[in-house]
Structure formats: structure tokens, C-alpha cells
Amino acid sequence: MFAFAFVWWFGVWYELHMTHIKALPTINDKPMKLRKRSLAALFMSSCVMLISAKYAWYIILFAALLAIINDRKRWKTYVVALMLPTVLIHGGLVYLVNSGAVIGGDPIESRGIQLQQIARVAKYNPQGIPEDAAKKLAPVFNLDQMAESYFQQDADPVKSSGIQSKKVSYKWRTVTKDDMKDFNDAWWQIVKANPQIALDALFAECFGYFNVTDLPYVSMDYYVNNDYVQSDNEWIHLYNHQWRNQVAGFAKKWGQIPVLGWVTHGNLYVTLTLLIGAAEVVLRRWRSLSWHLPLLLLMGVMITAPANNFERHMLPIAFVFGFLCLEFWRESRAARLAAREASYVGTSTAGKRRIGGHRIDRQQSDKQDADERHLDGRQLDGQEKES
């Protein structure tokens, strides 16, 4: 749901960018107002994003601040369509969690990288864990089970409560907030003592998002014919059952073809998005780059995600990649036209001269030369008559 809402949201974001006061001619230097239906779409898509993903409020708030800085004259649009939904939905959710009306999520879910680093050290260099760090982690984790459960592609086995791997790594039944207070300190001690293993754990947990040759850990065909769709339900599995298997099988075989299968993987579009961002830096298109920074935040979400090369995390970037290409092409075309016009103006003024410190054009210069030649001719005639 977040991916499709983000496409809706980014479409209006693209409209705002292309109707910026510096992007096209305006009347009396006034910005073009966003259409009412686009304003409503931006508001509604922001709401859906906030409802479907916890991290959405980071992206929306960051985008609102960028927009207000770049497009101050339309600040009311951003307050209404971006900040207001964030305050209402995210603020309301925080209030409900703090009041006990809604059960909040386990904060361990956001510590995937830290858990992978601790688990990798416990697996490959258990003697390298400082004694003080081990004591601080003891109420929270079983380090032996963490080492045994470690899988570089996915942090979920390390966070397992015993349901998946039957190995209780995370002591979720007994852990308290006081137990978690020393978690960051223990993690930092382990990282300082084992920097190479910690870096290996980081890169192993996220490299697939930026490597086009890496096959997805969980591809999108999984959501077409997994057990939840094909068997573990009341009625969905009763229709198009075989068709789903055919679609998923075709997509999986296509994705495994070298080079040709890259177009079906999200990491190709992540990599191309980074290349477009690099091109904007080289071309000094700072305003365009600033409007694309929310995509960089999404890449940060990928890095901190529990699993490596999980394709659903790349869907938003893959879906909006067309907007990036369209914008880059339009701005490149505008730059070429501006350069051609500047070249034409430069050619038309190349014949201008400077005489006596004053600038005159070619026509005036030619007229002055003709007058000087006529005067010289009259003087020459007078000299001949005197002689």
C-alpha cells in the first residue's frame, strides 16, 4: 500500500516541482497555485502513506521542510497537504500509544543492523565480545543462540522468539525498558572491538539493494502465489489458483536471466536513480536534486530494513523512476535550448566593435567607415586641384 501511495504522492510532488516559479514563466512573479484536485490528492496520499508505514512521517516531514525552503511562496500548500496529515495521524498515533489505547511496536524491529553486527561477531569471534557488553546484553539476548541463528541476508532469525527457528535468541517475554537502556552502549563496545566484522555485517545486510547482479532475497512473485494466497485463506485460493502459479513462475524465470532479467529487479532502478542524482550534482542542478532527496531517505530505509535485497522495499523507487527520467530529459532539453539561444545571441553580437571607448554595432561601424572614405576622397580631390 505504501508503494502505490508513494507513487500518487510523488506524482503531485513532480507537478509542484515543474510548476515552481523558476521552472516556467509566471505573471507578476507570482507562483502558480496547485490545482485543487492535486492538493486533495497530495493530502490523501500523505494520509495513506502515514497509515501504511511507520517511517512515512520522516519522509513527509523532511519533504515539507525542503519544499518550504525551495518554494516559500507556496508554503501554505505544504503546511496543509504535508504537515497537517503528519500532525493528525502520526501525532494521534503517538498519543494513543502513550495513553495505552494502542499497543506500540517492539523497538527491537528498528535495530536490524545492530543485531546483525552483534550476531556476526558472536558467530565468528565470540572471544572478541567485551565482558561488560556481554553482561549488559544478557537480559535481552542469548548470545550463543544469536551466533547459531545468524544469517547474513536476514535479521529476523536473530530477533526470533522461538517461533521460526525454535531457538530463543531474543528474550521478548522477560525483557524490560530498563534492560534495553544499555543496549546501545554494549553494541558500541562490540563494534569498536571488532570493526571489520561489524562492517562486513553491515554490507552483507544491505549490499543487494545496490548491486544489479544480486538476485533478490525475496522477489515480488512471492506475493503472487505464497501459502497465504494459495492455501491459508477461506476463499481467495478458489479462483485463478493455477494462473497465479503461471504468472509467478514466468516472472521468476525471467528475473533469473542474466542482464535481461535485471529490468525485473528493483536494485536496477535504485542504482539508476543514484546515477541520475550524481548527474544532477555534476550539472549543478541543486534544486532538482533537493526535490529528489526523499528518494535518498527511502534508500536509508532499505539499508536499515531487516532483510537484504527485499524487493518490496524498492517498489516506491522503481515505480517513480519514470518521473525522474522525464524530469531529467525536460531539464536537459531546456538547458540545450538555453545554450543554443545564448550561442545565437553571441554570434549576432560578434560584429560589434569598440571605438573611442564606446560600443557600436556593425551597421554603425560600416556607416562611419563609408563617411571616412568619402571625406578622404574629397580631401584627395582638393589636393590634386591645388597641384
Protein backbone atom coordinates (compact mmCIF):
# COMPACT_ATOMS: atom_id res chain seq x y z
CA MET A 1 0.00 0.00 0.00
CA PHE A 2 2.83 2.39 0.84
CA ALA A 3 4.45 1.92 -2.58
CA PHE A 4 1.29 2.78 -4.52
CA ALA A 5 0.50 5.71 -2.21
CA PHE A 6 4.06 6.98 -2.70
CA VAL A 7 3.62 6.94 -6.49
CA TRP A 8 0.46 9.01 -6.10
CA TRP A 9 2.25 11.36 -3.73
CA PHE A 10 5.35 11.67 -5.92
CA GLY A 11 3.23 12.46 -8.98
CA VAL A 12 1.88 15.56 -7.27
CA TRP A 13 5.38 16.28 -5.95
CA TYR A 14 6.59 16.25 -9.57
CA GLU A 15 3.80 18.66 -10.54
CA LEU A 16 4.88 21.03 -7.76
CA HIS A 17 8.47 20.86 -8.95
CA MET A 18 7.63 21.55 -12.60
CA THR A 19 5.32 24.47 -11.71
CA HIS A 20 7.92 26.07 -9.46
CA ILE A 21 8.36 29.80 -10.00
CA LYS A 22 11.81 29.18 -11.50
CA ALA A 23 10.62 26.35 -13.73
CA LEU A 24 8.23 28.23 -16.03
CA PRO A 25 7.05 31.78 -16.83
CA THR A 26 4.81 33.45 -14.25
CA ILE A 27 2.60 36.51 -14.16
CA ASN A 28 3.80 39.36 -11.96
CA ASP A 29 6.33 36.99 -10.41
CA LYS A 30 3.56 35.05 -8.65
CA PRO A 31 3.79 31.28 -8.21
CA MET A 32 1.31 29.02 -9.93
CA LYS A 33 -1.25 27.69 -7.48
CA LEU A 34 -1.58 23.95 -7.17
CA ARG A 35 -4.86 22.67 -8.61
CA LYS A 36 -7.49 21.81 -6.02
CA ARG A 37 -7.68 18.19 -7.09
CA SER A 38 -3.89 17.91 -6.90
CA LEU A 39 -3.91 19.46 -3.43
CA ALA A 40 -6.54 16.94 -2.34
CA ALA A 41 -4.51 14.12 -3.89
CA LEU A 42 -1.36 15.22 -2.05
CA PHE A 43 -3.25 15.37 1.25
CA MET A 44 -4.91 11.96 0.78
CA SER A 45 -1.76 10.22 -0.43
CA SER A 46 0.14 11.60 2.58
CA CYS A 47 -2.55 10.13 4.85
CA VAL A 48 -2.33 6.71 3.19
CA MET A 49 1.47 6.73 3.46
CA LEU A 50 1.31 7.61 7.16
CA ILE A 51 -1.22 4.86 7.82
CA SER A 52 0.65 2.16 5.88
CA ALA A 53 4.24 2.68 7.12
CA LYS A 54 5.70 3.97 10.37
CA TYR A 55 8.69 5.59 8.68
CA ALA A 56 6.47 7.64 6.33
CA TRP A 57 6.36 10.59 8.71
CA TYR A 58 10.15 11.03 8.42
CA ILE A 59 9.89 11.27 4.64
CA ILE A 60 6.88 13.59 4.60
CA LEU A 61 8.23 15.95 7.25
CA PHE A 62 11.63 16.09 5.54
CA ALA A 63 9.96 16.78 2.19
CA ALA A 64 7.83 19.54 3.71
CA LEU A 65 10.88 21.31 5.14
CA LEU A 66 12.71 21.06 1.80
CA ALA A 67 9.69 22.36 -0.09
CA ILE A 68 9.20 25.33 2.21
CA ILE A 69 12.87 26.27 1.79
CA ASN A 70 12.81 25.91 -2.02
CA ASP A 71 9.30 27.19 -2.66
CA ARG A 72 8.49 29.63 0.13
CA LYS A 73 5.73 31.42 -1.75
CA ARG A 74 3.58 28.27 -1.71
CA TRP A 75 4.23 27.40 1.93
CA LYS A 76 0.53 27.13 2.72
CA THR A 77 0.23 24.23 0.27
CA TYR A 78 2.92 22.27 2.08
CA VAL A 79 1.55 23.02 5.53
CA VAL A 80 -1.94 21.82 4.56
CA ALA A 81 -1.01 18.81 2.43
CA LEU A 82 2.11 17.55 4.23
CA MET A 83 2.43 18.85 7.77
CA LEU A 84 -1.24 18.71 8.74
CA PRO A 85 -1.65 14.97 7.97
CA THR A 86 1.60 14.24 9.81
CA VAL A 87 0.43 16.06 12.94
CA LEU A 88 -3.03 14.49 12.85
CA ILE A 89 -2.13 10.89 12.06
CA HIS A 90 1.35 10.42 13.49
CA GLY A 91 0.69 12.71 16.45
CA GLY A 92 -2.61 10.94 17.12
CA LEU A 93 -0.93 7.53 16.97
CA VAL A 94 1.79 8.61 19.40
CA TYR A 95 -0.89 9.90 21.77
CA LEU A 96 -2.85 6.63 21.59
CA VAL A 97 0.28 4.56 22.23
CA ASN A 98 1.32 6.71 25.19
CA SER A 99 -2.19 6.53 26.63
CA GLY A 100 -2.23 2.72 26.35
CA ALA A 101 -5.16 2.62 23.93
CA VAL A 102 -2.92 1.16 21.20
CA ILE A 103 -0.07 -1.28 21.69
CA GLY A 104 3.14 0.11 20.25
CA GLY A 105 5.56 -1.93 18.18
CA ASP A 106 8.63 -3.59 19.62
CA PRO A 107 11.59 -1.18 19.28
CA ILE A 108 13.86 -4.13 18.51
CA GLU A 109 12.40 -4.16 14.98
CA SER A 110 14.33 -0.99 14.09
CA ARG A 111 17.70 -2.36 15.23
CA GLY A 112 18.35 -4.80 12.41
CA ILE A 113 21.87 -3.61 11.58
CA GLN A 114 22.95 -3.56 15.22
CA LEU A 115 21.61 -7.07 15.77
CA GLN A 116 23.36 -8.42 12.68
CA GLN A 117 26.65 -6.91 13.78
CA ILE A 118 26.39 -8.38 17.28
CA ALA A 119 25.34 -11.78 15.93
CA ARG A 120 28.14 -11.90 13.35
CA VAL A 121 30.74 -11.10 16.00
CA ALA A 122 29.21 -13.75 18.27
CA LYS A 123 29.46 -16.28 15.42
CA TYR A 124 32.95 -15.55 14.08
CA ASN A 125 34.76 -14.07 17.06
CA PRO A 126 32.88 -14.79 20.31
CA GLN A 127 36.04 -14.13 22.34
CA GLY A 128 36.09 -10.60 20.92
CA ILE A 129 32.94 -9.57 22.81
CA PRO A 130 33.91 -7.45 25.83
CA GLU A 131 32.81 -8.89 29.15
CA ASP A 132 30.93 -5.74 30.13
CA ALA A 133 29.00 -5.78 26.84
CA ALA A 134 28.06 -9.43 27.32
CA LYS A 135 26.70 -8.67 30.80
CA LYS A 136 24.60 -5.79 29.50
CA LEU A 137 23.15 -7.92 26.71
CA ALA A 138 22.45 -10.96 28.88
CA PRO A 139 18.93 -9.84 29.97
CA VAL A 140 17.99 -9.18 26.35
CA PHE A 141 19.70 -11.80 24.17
CA ASN A 142 21.16 -15.26 24.33
CA LEU A 143 24.46 -14.68 22.53
CA ASP A 144 25.02 -18.37 21.81
CA GLN A 145 21.64 -18.63 20.13
CA MET A 146 22.30 -15.37 18.25
CA ALA A 147 25.50 -16.82 16.82
CA GLU A 148 23.76 -20.03 15.80
CA SER A 149 20.79 -18.18 14.27
CA TYR A 150 22.86 -15.62 12.34
CA PHE A 151 22.04 -15.43 8.63
CA GLN A 152 23.64 -12.56 6.73
CA GLN A 153 20.65 -11.98 4.45
CA ASP A 154 18.03 -11.57 7.16
CA ALA A 155 17.93 -10.27 10.74
CA ASP A 156 14.62 -11.96 11.58
CA PRO A 157 16.19 -15.24 12.80
CA VAL A 158 18.28 -13.23 15.27
CA LYS A 159 15.14 -11.50 16.53
CA SER A 160 13.33 -14.82 16.69
CA SER A 161 11.27 -15.54 19.78
CA GLY A 162 11.34 -19.26 19.07
CA ILE A 163 8.51 -19.48 16.54
CA GLN A 164 10.59 -19.64 13.36
CA SER A 165 13.83 -21.38 14.28
CA LYS A 166 12.79 -22.83 17.64
CA LYS A 167 15.81 -21.02 19.07
CA VAL A 168 15.06 -18.27 21.55
CA SER A 169 17.59 -15.58 20.69
CA TYR A 170 15.57 -12.54 21.81
CA LYS A 171 14.14 -12.81 25.34
CA TRP A 172 10.99 -10.93 24.49
CA ARG A 173 8.92 -12.40 27.32
CA THR A 174 11.10 -11.03 30.09
CA VAL A 175 12.92 -8.04 28.61
CA THR A 176 12.06 -4.60 30.02
CA LYS A 177 12.79 -0.99 29.10
CA ASP A 178 15.47 -0.87 31.78
CA ASP A 179 17.17 -3.88 30.17
CA MET A 180 17.30 -2.04 26.83
CA LYS A 181 18.89 1.11 28.27
CA ASP A 182 22.39 -0.34 27.98
CA PHE A 183 21.87 -1.95 24.57
CA ASN A 184 23.45 0.86 22.52
CA ASP A 185 26.46 1.03 24.82
CA ALA A 186 27.01 -2.73 24.61
CA TRP A 187 26.64 -2.66 20.83
CA TRP A 188 29.19 0.15 20.50
CA GLN A 189 31.71 -1.73 22.65
CA ILE A 190 31.39 -4.77 20.39
CA VAL A 191 31.73 -2.69 17.20
CA LYS A 192 34.82 -0.88 18.48
CA ALA A 193 36.42 -4.18 19.41
CA ASN A 194 35.54 -5.82 16.06
CA PRO A 195 35.30 -3.08 13.39
CA GLN A 196 35.99 -5.31 10.37
CA ILE A 197 33.40 -7.93 11.30
CA ALA A 198 30.89 -5.17 12.08
CA LEU A 199 31.41 -3.56 8.66
CA ASP A 200 31.09 -6.95 6.97
CA ALA A 201 27.78 -7.47 8.76
CA LEU A 202 26.52 -4.04 7.60
CA PHE A 203 27.43 -4.57 3.95
CA ALA A 204 26.20 -8.16 3.90
CA GLU A 205 22.83 -6.98 5.22
CA CYS A 206 22.22 -4.33 2.54
CA PHE A 207 24.58 -4.71 -0.45
CA GLY A 208 21.93 -6.34 -2.63
CA TYR A 209 19.91 -3.14 -2.83
CA PHE A 210 22.73 -1.52 -4.82
CA ASN A 211 24.10 -4.50 -6.78
CA VAL A 212 22.23 -5.15 -10.02
CA THR A 213 23.75 -8.62 -10.37
CA ASP A 214 22.45 -9.79 -6.99
CA LEU A 215 19.26 -11.83 -7.23
CA PRO A 216 16.51 -10.80 -4.80
CA TYR A 217 16.32 -12.50 -1.45
CA VAL A 218 12.52 -12.23 -1.64
CA SER A 219 11.21 -11.34 -5.11
CA MET A 220 7.80 -9.95 -5.91
CA ASP A 221 6.49 -13.25 -7.27
CA TYR A 222 6.38 -14.42 -3.66
CA TYR A 223 3.33 -12.22 -3.09
CA VAL A 224 1.51 -13.75 -6.06
CA ASN A 225 1.46 -17.41 -5.03
CA ASN A 226 2.67 -17.76 -1.44
CA ASP A 227 0.84 -20.02 1.01
CA TYR A 228 -1.19 -17.13 2.44
CA VAL A 229 -2.70 -16.55 -1.00
CA GLN A 230 -2.87 -20.08 -2.38
CA SER A 231 -3.97 -22.10 0.64
CA ASP A 232 -4.20 -20.38 4.05
CA ASN A 233 -7.42 -18.46 3.43
CA GLU A 234 -11.13 -19.02 3.11
CA TRP A 235 -11.87 -18.18 -0.50
CA ILE A 236 -9.07 -16.35 -2.36
CA HIS A 237 -7.35 -19.61 -3.29
CA LEU A 238 -10.53 -20.80 -5.02
CA TYR A 239 -10.15 -18.57 -8.08
CA ASN A 240 -7.22 -18.12 -10.50
CA HIS A 241 -5.18 -20.60 -8.48
CA GLN A 242 -3.24 -22.08 -11.40
CA TRP A 243 -2.96 -18.72 -13.16
CA ARG A 244 -1.09 -17.27 -10.17
CA ASN A 245 1.41 -20.11 -10.31
CA GLN A 246 1.96 -19.48 -14.01
CA VAL A 247 2.49 -15.74 -13.55
CA ALA A 248 4.85 -16.23 -10.61
CA GLY A 249 6.81 -18.93 -12.46
CA PHE A 250 7.19 -16.78 -15.57
CA ALA A 251 8.35 -13.76 -13.53
CA LYS A 252 10.85 -15.84 -11.56
CA LYS A 253 12.38 -17.43 -14.69
CA TRP A 254 12.63 -14.04 -16.42
CA GLY A 255 14.32 -12.50 -13.38
CA GLN A 256 16.99 -15.21 -13.40
CA ILE A 257 18.11 -14.44 -16.98
CA PRO A 258 21.45 -12.56 -16.89
CA VAL A 259 21.22 -8.88 -17.92
CA LEU A 260 17.72 -9.24 -19.45
CA GLY A 261 16.33 -10.13 -16.06
CA TRP A 262 17.73 -7.00 -14.43
CA VAL A 263 14.74 -4.95 -15.57
CA THR A 264 12.51 -7.02 -13.28
CA HIS A 265 14.61 -6.28 -10.18
CA GLY A 266 14.28 -3.21 -8.01
CA ASN A 267 18.01 -2.78 -7.45
CA LEU A 268 18.46 -1.76 -11.11
CA TYR A 269 16.20 1.26 -10.58
CA VAL A 270 17.85 2.10 -7.26
CA THR A 271 21.25 2.15 -8.99
CA LEU A 272 19.98 4.23 -11.92
CA THR A 273 18.36 6.69 -9.51
CA LEU A 274 21.72 7.17 -7.80
CA LEU A 275 23.36 7.76 -11.20
CA ILE A 276 20.76 10.41 -12.07
CA GLY A 277 21.44 12.07 -8.71
CA ALA A 278 25.17 12.04 -9.46
CA ALA A 279 24.49 13.61 -12.88
CA GLU A 280 22.46 16.36 -11.23
CA VAL A 281 25.38 17.08 -8.92
CA VAL A 282 27.78 17.28 -11.88
CA LEU A 283 25.36 19.55 -13.79
CA ARG A 284 24.77 21.65 -10.65
CA ARG A 285 21.02 21.17 -10.72
CA TRP A 286 20.74 21.70 -6.99
CA ARG A 287 17.04 22.48 -6.91
CA SER A 288 16.17 19.28 -8.76
CA LEU A 289 18.48 17.31 -6.50
CA SER A 290 16.82 18.71 -3.40
CA TRP A 291 13.39 17.60 -4.67
CA HIS A 292 14.74 14.06 -5.07
CA LEU A 293 16.19 13.76 -1.57
CA PRO A 294 13.09 11.88 -0.28
CA LEU A 295 14.21 9.02 -2.52
CA LEU A 296 17.53 9.04 -0.68
CA LEU A 297 15.63 8.65 2.58
CA LEU A 298 13.87 5.62 1.12
CA MET A 299 17.29 4.12 0.38
CA GLY A 300 18.14 4.68 4.03
CA VAL A 301 15.03 2.70 4.92
CA MET A 302 16.30 -0.14 2.71
CA ILE A 303 19.67 -0.17 4.47
CA THR A 304 18.05 -0.36 7.90
CA ALA A 305 15.46 -2.95 6.80
CA PRO A 306 15.74 -6.39 8.44
CA ALA A 307 16.47 -8.21 5.17
CA ASN A 308 18.88 -7.71 2.28
CA ASN A 309 17.53 -7.18 -1.26
CA PHE A 310 13.90 -7.45 -0.22
CA GLU A 311 12.15 -6.26 -3.37
CA ARG A 312 9.07 -4.75 -1.76
CA HIS A 313 11.27 -2.11 -0.13
CA MET A 314 12.43 -0.98 -3.59
CA LEU A 315 8.98 -0.74 -5.17
CA PRO A 316 8.48 3.01 -4.50
CA ILE A 317 11.73 3.93 -6.27
CA ALA A 318 11.09 1.53 -9.15
CA PHE A 319 7.58 2.92 -9.65
CA VAL A 320 8.63 6.62 -9.74
CA PHE A 321 11.76 6.10 -11.83
CA GLY A 322 9.85 7.24 -14.91
CA PHE A 323 9.21 10.63 -13.30
CA LEU A 324 12.94 11.05 -12.76
CA CYS A 325 13.75 10.22 -16.37
CA LEU A 326 11.06 12.59 -17.65
CA GLU A 327 12.24 15.43 -15.46
CA PHE A 328 15.91 14.91 -16.32
CA TRP A 329 15.07 14.86 -20.04
CA ARG A 330 12.96 18.04 -19.82
CA GLU A 331 15.60 19.94 -17.91
CA SER A 332 18.34 18.74 -20.26
CA ARG A 333 16.30 19.88 -23.24
CA ALA A 334 15.70 23.27 -21.61
CA ALA A 335 19.43 23.60 -20.92
CA ARG A 336 20.27 22.79 -24.56
CA LEU A 337 17.76 25.37 -25.84
CA ALA A 338 19.15 27.98 -23.46
CA ALA A 339 22.71 27.23 -24.62
CA ARG A 340 21.65 27.45 -28.27
CA GLU A 341 19.93 30.79 -27.67
CA ALA A 342 22.98 32.11 -25.86
CA SER A 343 25.16 30.97 -28.76
CA TYR A 344 22.85 32.74 -31.25
CA VAL A 345 22.95 35.95 -29.22
CA GLY A 346 26.74 35.69 -29.02
CA THR A 347 27.02 35.25 -32.80
CA SER A 348 24.74 38.21 -33.52
CA THR A 349 26.83 40.50 -31.32
CA ALA A 350 30.19 39.24 -32.54
CA GLY A 351 30.36 42.04 -35.12
CA LYS A 352 30.15 44.79 -32.55
CA ARG A 353 33.20 47.00 -32.06
CA ARG A 354 34.56 49.42 -29.55
CA ILE A 355 35.63 52.83 -30.93
CA GLY A 356 36.74 55.60 -28.63
CA GLY A 357 35.64 53.59 -25.60
CA HIS A 358 32.04 53.45 -26.89
CA ARG A 359 30.38 50.31 -28.13
CA ILE A 360 28.75 50.48 -31.58
CA ASP A 361 27.25 47.78 -33.75
CA ARG A 362 28.41 46.63 -37.18
CA GLN A 363 25.92 48.77 -39.15
CA GLN A 364 27.04 51.96 -37.40
CA SER A 365 30.67 50.99 -37.90
CA ASP A 366 30.18 50.39 -41.63
CA LYS A 367 28.43 53.76 -41.98
CA GLN A 368 31.28 55.51 -40.17
CA ASP A 369 33.86 53.78 -42.40
CA ALA A 370 31.98 54.92 -45.50
CA ASP A 371 31.87 58.52 -44.27
CA GLU A 372 35.58 58.42 -43.54
CA ARG A 373 36.33 57.08 -47.04
CA HIS A 374 34.13 59.81 -48.62
CA LEU A 375 35.91 62.52 -46.61
CA ASP A 376 39.30 61.15 -47.57
CA GLY A 377 38.25 61.18 -51.22
CA ARG A 378 37.17 64.84 -51.09
CA GLN A 379 40.46 65.83 -49.45
CA LEU A 380 42.42 63.95 -52.13
CA ASP A 381 40.49 65.73 -54.92
CA GLY A 382 41.24 69.13 -53.37
CA GLN A 383 44.95 68.37 -53.19
CA GLU A 384 45.02 67.35 -56.86
CA LYS A 385 43.33 70.61 -57.91
CA GLU A 386 45.85 72.70 -55.94
CA SER A 387 48.72 70.91 -57.60
